[in-house]
């Protein structure tokens, strides 16, 4: 279980780092657009992403 959490954290760091390394201008635009979004929209998108992540892990580990 702890190994799975550490692996998940490492994958998040990898993908986040790759996005910033490969598309720095796109990431800047995305952050700027996030600043203009209402908080409730960001909250809903974040919750949906978290739920999808749990479902994917459940399906893969199932």
N, C-alpha and C. Protein backbone atom coordinates (compact mmCIF):
# COMPACT_ATOMS: atom_id res chain seq x y z
N UNK A 1 0.83 -1.20 0.00
CA UNK A 1 0.00 0.00 0.00
C UNK A 1 0.87 1.25 0.00
N UNK A 2 1.85 1.33 0.89
CA UNK A 2 2.72 2.50 0.94
C UNK A 2 3.53 2.61 -0.35
N UNK A 3 3.95 1.47 -0.89
CA UNK A 3 4.69 1.47 -2.15
C UNK A 3 3.83 2.02 -3.28
N UNK A 4 2.54 1.66 -3.28
CA UNK A 4 1.63 2.17 -4.31
C UNK A 4 1.49 3.69 -4.21
N UNK A 5 1.39 4.19 -3.00
CA UNK A 5 1.25 5.64 -2.80
C UNK A 5 2.51 6.36 -3.25
N UNK A 6 3.66 5.79 -2.92
CA UNK A 6 4.92 6.40 -3.34
C UNK A 6 5.07 6.37 -4.86
N UNK A 7 4.66 5.27 -5.49
CA UNK A 7 4.69 5.17 -6.94
C UNK A 7 3.76 6.19 -7.57
N UNK A 8 2.57 6.35 -7.02
CA UNK A 8 1.63 7.33 -7.54
C UNK A 8 2.19 8.75 -7.42
N UNK A 9 2.81 9.07 -6.29
CA UNK A 9 3.40 10.39 -6.11
C UNK A 9 4.53 10.62 -7.11
N UNK A 10 5.33 9.60 -7.34
CA UNK A 10 6.43 9.72 -8.31
C UNK A 10 5.89 9.94 -9.72
N UNK A 11 4.82 9.25 -10.08
CA UNK A 11 4.23 9.43 -11.40
C UNK A 11 3.64 10.83 -11.56
N UNK A 12 3.01 11.34 -10.52
CA UNK A 12 2.49 12.71 -10.57
C UNK A 12 3.63 13.69 -10.80
N UNK A 13 4.72 13.55 -10.06
CA UNK A 13 5.87 14.43 -10.24
C UNK A 13 6.43 14.32 -11.65
N UNK A 14 6.52 13.11 -12.18
CA UNK A 14 7.03 12.91 -13.53
C UNK A 14 6.17 13.63 -14.56
N UNK A 15 4.86 13.38 -14.51
CA UNK A 15 3.98 13.98 -15.52
C UNK A 15 3.90 15.50 -15.38
N UNK A 16 3.84 15.99 -14.15
CA UNK A 16 3.84 17.45 -13.94
C UNK A 16 5.12 18.06 -14.49
N UNK A 17 6.25 17.46 -14.16
CA UNK A 17 7.53 17.98 -14.63
C UNK A 17 7.64 17.92 -16.15
N UNK A 18 7.16 16.84 -16.74
CA UNK A 18 7.21 16.70 -18.19
C UNK A 18 6.36 17.77 -18.86
N UNK A 19 5.19 18.05 -18.32
CA UNK A 19 4.33 19.08 -18.91
C UNK A 19 5.00 20.45 -18.87
N UNK A 20 5.59 20.79 -17.73
CA UNK A 20 6.26 22.09 -17.62
C UNK A 20 7.50 22.15 -18.50
N UNK A 21 8.21 21.03 -18.66
CA UNK A 21 9.42 21.02 -19.49
C UNK A 21 9.07 21.08 -20.98
N UNK A 22 8.03 20.37 -21.38
CA UNK A 22 7.69 20.30 -22.80
C UNK A 22 6.82 21.47 -23.27
N UNK A 23 5.95 21.98 -22.41
CA UNK A 23 4.99 23.02 -22.82
C UNK A 23 4.96 24.17 -21.81
N UNK A 24 6.07 24.87 -21.60
CA UNK A 24 6.08 25.92 -20.57
C UNK A 24 5.09 27.06 -20.85
N UNK A 25 4.98 27.47 -22.12
CA UNK A 25 4.05 28.56 -22.43
C UNK A 25 2.60 28.12 -22.28
N UNK A 26 2.31 26.88 -22.67
CA UNK A 26 0.96 26.36 -22.49
C UNK A 26 0.58 26.25 -21.03
N UNK A 27 1.53 25.87 -20.19
CA UNK A 27 1.25 25.77 -18.76
C UNK A 27 1.01 27.16 -18.15
N UNK A 28 1.75 28.16 -18.65
CA UNK A 28 1.52 29.53 -18.17
C UNK A 28 0.12 29.99 -18.55
N UNK A 29 -0.29 29.70 -19.79
CA UNK A 29 -1.65 30.08 -20.22
C UNK A 29 -2.71 29.36 -19.39
N UNK A 30 -2.47 28.08 -19.10
CA UNK A 30 -3.42 27.32 -18.31
C UNK A 30 -3.56 27.91 -16.91
N UNK A 31 -2.42 28.27 -16.30
CA UNK A 31 -2.46 28.87 -14.95
C UNK A 31 -3.18 30.21 -14.97
N UNK A 32 -2.94 31.01 -16.01
CA UNK A 32 -3.61 32.31 -16.12
C UNK A 32 -5.11 32.12 -16.28
N UNK A 33 -5.53 31.12 -17.06
CA UNK A 33 -6.96 30.89 -17.23
C UNK A 33 -7.58 30.34 -15.94
N UNK A 34 -6.81 29.59 -15.17
CA UNK A 34 -7.32 29.07 -13.90
C UNK A 34 -7.59 30.22 -12.92
N UNK A 35 -6.78 31.27 -12.99
CA UNK A 35 -7.00 32.42 -12.11
C UNK A 35 -8.31 33.12 -12.39
N UNK A 36 -8.79 33.05 -13.62
CA UNK A 36 -10.03 33.73 -13.97
C UNK A 36 -11.27 32.86 -13.74
N UNK A 37 -11.07 31.57 -13.52
CA UNK A 37 -12.21 30.66 -13.29
C UNK A 37 -12.75 30.84 -11.89
N UNK A 38 -14.07 30.71 -11.75
CA UNK A 38 -14.65 30.74 -10.40
C UNK A 38 -14.16 29.54 -9.58
N UNK A 39 -14.06 29.73 -8.29
CA UNK A 39 -13.55 28.68 -7.40
C UNK A 39 -14.39 27.41 -7.47
N UNK A 40 -15.71 27.56 -7.60
CA UNK A 40 -16.55 26.36 -7.60
C UNK A 40 -16.30 25.51 -8.85
N UNK A 41 -15.94 26.12 -9.96
CA UNK A 41 -15.63 25.35 -11.17
C UNK A 41 -14.33 24.57 -10.96
N UNK A 42 -13.31 25.23 -10.41
CA UNK A 42 -12.06 24.54 -10.13
C UNK A 42 -12.27 23.39 -9.14
N UNK A 43 -13.12 23.62 -8.15
CA UNK A 43 -13.40 22.58 -7.16
C UNK A 43 -14.06 21.38 -7.82
N UNK A 44 -15.03 21.61 -8.70
CA UNK A 44 -15.72 20.52 -9.38
C UNK A 44 -14.77 19.76 -10.30
N UNK A 45 -13.94 20.47 -11.05
CA UNK A 45 -12.98 19.82 -11.94
C UNK A 45 -11.97 19.01 -11.12
N UNK A 46 -11.48 19.57 -10.02
CA UNK A 46 -10.55 18.85 -9.17
C UNK A 46 -11.17 17.60 -8.57
N UNK A 47 -12.40 17.71 -8.12
CA UNK A 47 -13.10 16.55 -7.55
C UNK A 47 -13.32 15.48 -8.61
N UNK A 48 -13.70 15.89 -9.81
CA UNK A 48 -13.90 14.93 -10.90
C UNK A 48 -12.58 14.22 -11.24
N UNK A 49 -11.49 14.97 -11.28
CA UNK A 49 -10.19 14.37 -11.58
C UNK A 49 -9.80 13.38 -10.48
N UNK A 50 -10.04 13.74 -9.24
CA UNK A 50 -9.71 12.84 -8.13
C UNK A 50 -10.54 11.56 -8.21
N UNK A 51 -11.81 11.68 -8.50
CA UNK A 51 -12.67 10.50 -8.60
C UNK A 51 -12.23 9.61 -9.76
N UNK A 52 -11.93 10.24 -10.91
CA UNK A 52 -11.44 9.45 -12.04
C UNK A 52 -10.13 8.73 -11.70
N UNK A 53 -9.26 9.40 -10.99
CA UNK A 53 -8.01 8.78 -10.58
C UNK A 53 -8.23 7.57 -9.70
N UNK A 54 -9.14 7.68 -8.76
CA UNK A 54 -9.46 6.54 -7.88
C UNK A 54 -10.06 5.40 -8.69
N UNK A 55 -10.93 5.73 -9.62
CA UNK A 55 -11.55 4.68 -10.46
C UNK A 55 -10.49 3.98 -11.30
N UNK A 56 -9.57 4.75 -11.90
CA UNK A 56 -8.52 4.14 -12.71
C UNK A 56 -7.63 3.23 -11.88
N UNK A 57 -7.25 3.68 -10.69
CA UNK A 57 -6.43 2.84 -9.81
C UNK A 57 -7.18 1.58 -9.44
N UNK A 58 -8.47 1.72 -9.13
CA UNK A 58 -9.29 0.57 -8.76
C UNK A 58 -9.37 -0.44 -9.91
N UNK A 59 -9.55 0.09 -11.14
CA UNK A 59 -9.63 -0.80 -12.30
C UNK A 59 -8.30 -1.49 -12.59
N UNK A 60 -7.22 -0.74 -12.47
CA UNK A 60 -5.90 -1.30 -12.76
C UNK A 60 -5.49 -2.31 -11.71
N UNK A 61 -5.71 -1.98 -10.44
CA UNK A 61 -5.30 -2.86 -9.34
C UNK A 61 -6.31 -3.99 -9.11
N UNK A 62 -7.55 -3.80 -9.62
CA UNK A 62 -8.65 -4.72 -9.39
C UNK A 62 -8.32 -6.14 -9.56
